[in-house]
Protein backbone atom coordinates (compact mmCIF):
# COMPACT_ATOMS: atom_id res chain seq x y z
CA MET A 1 60.16 103.36 101.27
CA ASP A 2 62.47 103.49 104.31
CA ARG A 3 66.16 102.81 103.67
CA LEU A 4 67.06 99.12 103.86
CA GLU A 5 69.25 98.00 106.74
CA PRO A 6 72.48 95.99 106.28
CA ARG A 7 70.91 93.17 108.29
CA GLU A 8 68.14 92.81 105.70
CA LEU A 9 70.72 92.60 102.92
CA GLU A 10 72.68 89.95 104.84
CA TYR A 11 69.50 87.91 105.36
CA PHE A 12 68.68 87.98 101.67
CA VAL A 13 72.23 87.13 100.56
CA ALA A 14 72.29 84.11 102.89
CA VAL A 15 68.99 82.78 101.52
CA ALA A 16 69.95 83.54 97.92
CA GLU A 17 73.29 81.74 98.25
CA GLU A 18 71.98 78.74 100.18
CA LEU A 19 68.63 78.51 98.32
CA HIS A 20 67.35 76.90 101.48
CA PHE A 21 65.78 78.76 104.41
CA GLY A 22 66.90 76.22 107.00
CA ARG A 23 70.57 76.32 105.99
CA ALA A 24 70.46 80.11 105.66
CA ALA A 25 68.99 80.45 109.16
CA GLN A 26 71.68 78.16 110.57
CA ARG A 27 74.38 80.20 108.79
CA LEU A 28 72.98 83.42 110.25
CA GLY A 29 72.49 81.97 113.73
CA ILE A 30 68.76 82.71 113.85
CA ALA A 31 65.56 80.68 113.75
CA GLN A 32 63.94 79.92 110.40
CA PRO A 33 60.47 81.51 110.98
CA PRO A 34 61.79 85.05 111.64
CA LEU A 35 64.06 84.73 108.60
CA SER A 36 61.12 83.73 106.38
CA ARG A 37 59.12 86.67 107.72
CA ALA A 38 62.02 89.07 107.14
CA ILE A 39 62.35 88.00 103.49
CA SER A 40 58.60 88.30 102.91
CA ARG A 41 58.64 91.75 104.50
CA LEU A 42 61.57 92.74 102.28
CA GLU A 43 59.70 91.66 99.15
CA ARG A 44 56.65 93.66 100.22
CA ARG A 45 58.75 96.75 100.84
CA LEU A 46 60.41 96.46 97.45
CA GLY A 47 57.20 95.50 95.67
CA VAL A 48 59.17 92.80 93.86
CA ARG A 49 59.19 89.01 94.10
CA LEU A 50 62.80 88.04 94.78
CA LEU A 51 62.41 84.31 95.35
CA ALA A 52 60.24 81.65 93.77
CA ARG A 53 59.63 79.15 96.56
CA THR A 54 57.60 76.07 97.32
CA SER A 55 57.72 73.75 100.33
CA ARG A 56 60.60 71.87 98.68
CA HIS A 57 62.34 74.31 96.40
CA VAL A 58 63.73 77.87 96.44
CA GLU A 59 65.18 79.70 93.44
CA LEU A 60 65.97 83.29 92.53
CA THR A 61 63.75 85.24 90.21
CA ALA A 62 65.32 87.53 87.59
CA PRO A 63 64.88 90.59 89.89
CA GLY A 64 66.25 88.47 92.73
CA ARG A 65 69.47 87.79 90.82
CA VAL A 66 69.91 91.51 90.19
CA PHE A 67 69.21 92.30 93.84
CA LEU A 68 71.74 89.67 94.97
CA ASP A 69 74.51 91.35 92.96
CA GLU A 70 73.55 94.75 94.35
CA CYS A 71 73.41 93.46 97.93
CA ARG A 72 76.86 91.92 97.65
CA SER A 73 78.22 95.19 96.28
CA LEU A 74 76.63 97.22 99.07
CA LEU A 75 77.91 94.88 101.78
CA ARG A 76 81.42 94.97 100.31
CA GLY A 77 81.24 98.76 100.35
CA HIS A 78 80.14 98.69 103.98
CA ASP A 79 83.06 96.41 104.93
CA LEU A 80 85.49 98.55 102.94
CA ALA A 81 84.33 101.70 104.75
CA VAL A 82 85.02 100.00 108.08
CA ARG A 83 88.49 98.79 107.02
CA ARG A 84 89.51 102.17 105.61
CA THR A 85 88.38 103.91 108.78
CA GLN A 86 90.41 101.48 110.86
CA GLN A 87 93.43 101.99 108.60
CA ALA A 88 93.17 105.75 109.07
CA ALA A 89 93.59 105.20 112.81
CA GLN A 90 96.87 103.35 112.23
CA PRO A 91 99.23 105.97 110.74
CA GLY A 92 102.53 104.64 109.49
CA ARG A 93 101.14 101.19 108.60
CA LEU A 94 101.54 100.05 105.00
CA VAL A 95 100.31 96.70 103.66
CA VAL A 96 101.63 95.54 100.29
CA ALA A 97 99.97 92.71 98.34
CA VAL A 98 102.46 90.64 96.37
CA ARG A 99 101.99 87.94 93.78
CA PRO A 100 104.05 84.94 94.97
CA GLY A 101 107.29 84.57 93.04
CA ALA A 102 107.19 88.07 91.52
CA GLY A 103 109.60 90.93 92.14
CA ALA A 104 111.50 89.43 95.07
CA GLY A 105 114.71 91.41 94.54
CA LEU A 106 112.77 94.51 93.56
CA LEU A 107 110.80 94.48 96.81
CA ALA A 108 114.00 94.17 98.83
CA ASP A 109 115.37 97.27 97.07
CA LEU A 110 112.13 99.15 97.67
CA ILE A 111 112.13 98.35 101.37
CA ARG A 112 115.65 99.72 101.68
CA ALA A 113 114.72 102.88 99.78
CA TYR A 114 111.42 103.45 101.61
CA GLU A 115 111.94 105.80 104.54
CA GLY A 116 108.75 104.91 106.43
CA ILE A 117 107.94 102.06 108.78
CA GLU A 118 108.71 98.59 107.40
CA PRO A 119 105.81 97.42 105.21
CA GLU A 120 103.73 94.34 105.91
CA PHE A 121 103.30 91.86 103.05
CA ILE A 122 100.48 89.54 102.09
CA PHE A 123 100.91 86.99 99.31
CA THR A 124 98.01 86.63 96.91
CA SER A 125 97.36 86.00 93.22
CA ASP A 126 94.68 88.75 93.28
CA GLY A 127 96.42 91.91 94.43
CA VAL A 128 93.81 94.09 92.73
CA MET A 129 91.03 92.65 94.89
CA ALA A 130 93.20 92.96 98.00
CA VAL A 131 93.54 96.69 97.35
CA ARG A 132 89.91 97.16 96.34
CA ASP A 133 88.57 95.51 99.50
CA GLY A 134 90.99 97.35 101.79
CA THR A 135 93.09 94.31 102.77
CA ALA A 136 96.16 95.99 101.26
CA ASP A 137 97.13 99.61 100.57
CA ILE A 138 99.16 98.94 97.44
CA ALA A 139 99.99 95.91 95.31
CA LEU A 140 102.77 94.68 93.07
CA LEU A 141 100.83 93.72 89.94
CA CYS A 142 101.42 92.19 86.54
CA LEU A 143 100.16 94.72 83.99
CA GLY A 144 97.78 93.50 81.32
CA THR A 145 96.19 90.76 83.41
CA ASP A 146 93.73 92.68 85.61
CA ASP A 147 90.99 95.30 85.40
CA LEU A 148 92.69 98.39 86.82
CA SER A 149 89.82 100.85 86.55
CA GLY A 150 90.06 103.31 89.45
CA PHE A 151 93.75 102.52 89.93
CA ARG A 152 96.94 104.49 89.48
CA THR A 153 99.95 102.44 88.43
CA LEU A 154 103.70 102.85 88.30
CA ALA A 155 105.68 100.43 86.12
CA VAL A 156 108.75 99.31 88.03
CA ALA A 157 110.36 96.34 86.28
CA GLU A 158 110.10 93.66 83.64
CA GLU A 159 110.45 89.96 84.32
CA ARG A 160 110.69 86.97 82.00
CA PRO A 161 108.94 83.70 82.92
CA LEU A 162 111.02 81.08 84.67
CA ALA A 163 109.85 77.54 85.45
CA LEU A 164 110.83 76.18 88.85
CA LEU A 165 111.51 72.43 88.86
CA PRO A 166 113.01 69.93 91.31
CA ARG A 167 116.62 69.25 90.37
CA ASP A 168 115.82 65.60 89.51
CA HIS A 169 112.78 66.47 87.35
CA PRO A 170 112.79 65.00 83.79
CA LEU A 171 112.65 68.53 82.33
CA ALA A 172 115.35 69.97 84.58
CA CYS A 173 118.14 69.28 82.06
CA ARG A 174 116.45 71.25 79.24
CA ARG A 175 117.52 74.72 78.14
CA ALA A 176 113.89 75.84 77.81
CA VAL A 177 110.38 74.47 78.38
CA THR A 178 106.79 75.29 77.44
CA THR A 179 103.69 75.55 79.61
CA ARG A 180 102.26 72.54 77.76
CA GLN A 181 105.21 70.44 78.90
CA LEU A 182 104.88 71.73 82.45
CA SER A 183 101.12 71.08 82.59
CA ASN A 184 101.74 67.36 82.02
CA ASP A 185 103.10 67.21 85.56
CA PRO A 186 100.35 66.75 88.21
CA ALA A 187 102.36 69.04 90.52
CA TYR A 188 102.09 71.98 88.11
CA GLN A 189 100.27 74.97 89.59
CA LEU A 190 100.17 78.54 88.33
CA CYS A 191 100.40 81.31 90.95
CA PRO A 192 100.22 79.23 94.16
CA PRO A 193 99.09 81.44 97.09
CA SER A 194 102.32 81.04 99.08
CA SER A 195 105.41 83.04 99.93
CA LEU A 196 108.50 82.59 97.76
CA ASP A 197 110.30 80.66 100.50
CA GLU A 198 107.40 78.21 100.74
CA ILE A 199 107.27 77.88 96.94
CA LEU A 200 110.97 77.02 96.79
CA ASP A 201 110.62 74.48 99.60
CA ARG A 202 107.66 72.78 97.91
CA VAL A 203 109.49 72.64 94.57
CA ALA A 204 112.61 71.17 96.17
CA LEU A 205 110.46 68.47 97.81
CA GLY A 206 108.87 67.56 94.47
CA ARG A 207 105.44 68.81 95.56
CA LEU A 208 105.22 71.77 93.15
CA VAL A 209 106.13 72.87 89.63
CA THR A 210 105.33 76.49 88.81
CA VAL A 211 106.30 79.61 86.85
CA VAL A 212 107.71 82.77 88.43
CA GLY A 213 109.62 85.87 87.32
CA ASP A 214 113.27 85.41 86.43
CA ALA A 215 114.38 87.73 89.25
CA VAL A 216 113.90 84.71 91.50
CA ALA A 217 116.90 83.03 89.83
CA GLU A 218 119.34 84.56 92.30
CA ARG A 219 117.43 83.03 95.22
CA LEU A 220 117.21 79.44 93.97
CA THR A 221 118.12 76.77 96.49
CA PRO A 222 120.33 73.75 95.62
CA GLY A 223 117.33 71.48 95.09
CA VAL A 224 115.58 73.79 92.62
CA VAL A 225 116.32 74.47 88.94
CA GLY A 226 115.07 77.48 86.96
CA ILE A 227 114.32 76.96 83.24
CA PRO A 228 113.16 79.72 80.82
CA VAL A 229 109.60 79.32 79.52
CA THR A 230 109.38 80.05 75.81
CA ASP A 231 105.63 80.38 75.20
CA LEU A 232 104.88 83.06 77.79
CA PRO A 233 105.64 86.78 77.28
CA ALA A 234 107.69 88.94 79.61
CA THR A 235 105.66 90.58 82.37
CA THR A 236 105.69 94.24 83.29
CA LEU A 237 105.52 94.63 87.05
CA ALA A 238 103.83 97.72 88.45
CA LEU A 239 102.80 99.15 91.76
CA GLY A 240 99.04 99.73 91.79
CA TRP A 241 96.90 101.70 94.24
CA LEU A 242 93.48 103.34 94.27
CA GLU A 243 93.29 106.76 92.67
CA ASP A 244 91.55 108.22 95.71
CA SER A 245 93.89 106.67 98.30
CA PRO A 246 94.55 109.26 101.02
CA ARG A 247 97.43 107.31 102.59
CA ALA A 248 100.65 109.29 102.91
CA GLU A 249 102.47 105.97 103.23
CA VAL A 250 101.37 104.96 99.72
CA ALA A 251 102.73 108.22 98.29
CA ALA A 252 106.03 107.73 100.13
CA PHE A 253 106.36 104.16 98.87
CA THR A 254 105.82 105.18 95.23
CA ARG A 255 108.29 108.05 95.63
CA ALA A 256 110.85 105.50 96.80
CA ALA A 257 110.25 103.49 93.61
CA ARG A 258 110.83 106.58 91.47
CA ARG A 259 114.04 107.43 93.33
CA LEU A 260 115.41 103.99 92.49
CA ALA A 261 115.14 104.99 88.80
CA LEU A 262 113.31 101.73 88.09
CA VAL A 263 111.15 103.57 85.56
CA PRO A 264 111.66 106.53 83.23
CA ALA A 265 111.22 109.89 84.95
CA SER A 266 108.14 110.64 82.80
CA ALA A 267 106.21 107.52 83.96
């Protein structure tokens, strides 16, 4: 059998996700008849029935579900190859994925210690995925919460959980709170995908209640109160990057972290 083309994989993924040939054709920007023919041709080439379809209904067969997972993986790999190639043509660029509200002071120290070009930052609750898909070169992660297979890590700090509340919030006068108490507030949200400045603004306006690392305490604005959270453990922050990363900028950034003596020399 000839090697499948990315276009064939994209056609199948669209149909498998939409479970409707008309919507899939519209999503792909093609007519429905050629799409139907392409899927039938794909099934003949594979010798496997991928879709069970009638005039009114389309569903994946068991082999079709397996093939969908494989297609998604192959297409992600294709996109990653493109992004990594483009990154290689931009020497000196370093993108760091950061969980909102984590390691704010630490990152400022790292930027000062890093001797390369100033890093770019993206704020996301899934730094691991950002590194895996090539969106970021390195991420500031919370150890113990993600699958880090294929990653190298460098522990850099420990933070205790701190609830951020508007100053006039009913819980703002307490010495400590629990996540159960916080979750009673409709504004409670864990790991909002925003920068720290935006998080603080939203809390001050009464639009958000959340939990961050206690290093944020020194950056609280007058309208925001930080209260320790008693039923969450301390979090170990670590820099994480792919084991096979060829980027010299990643190596320089991690060397800067070691020079700051944020971790034992043996780490």
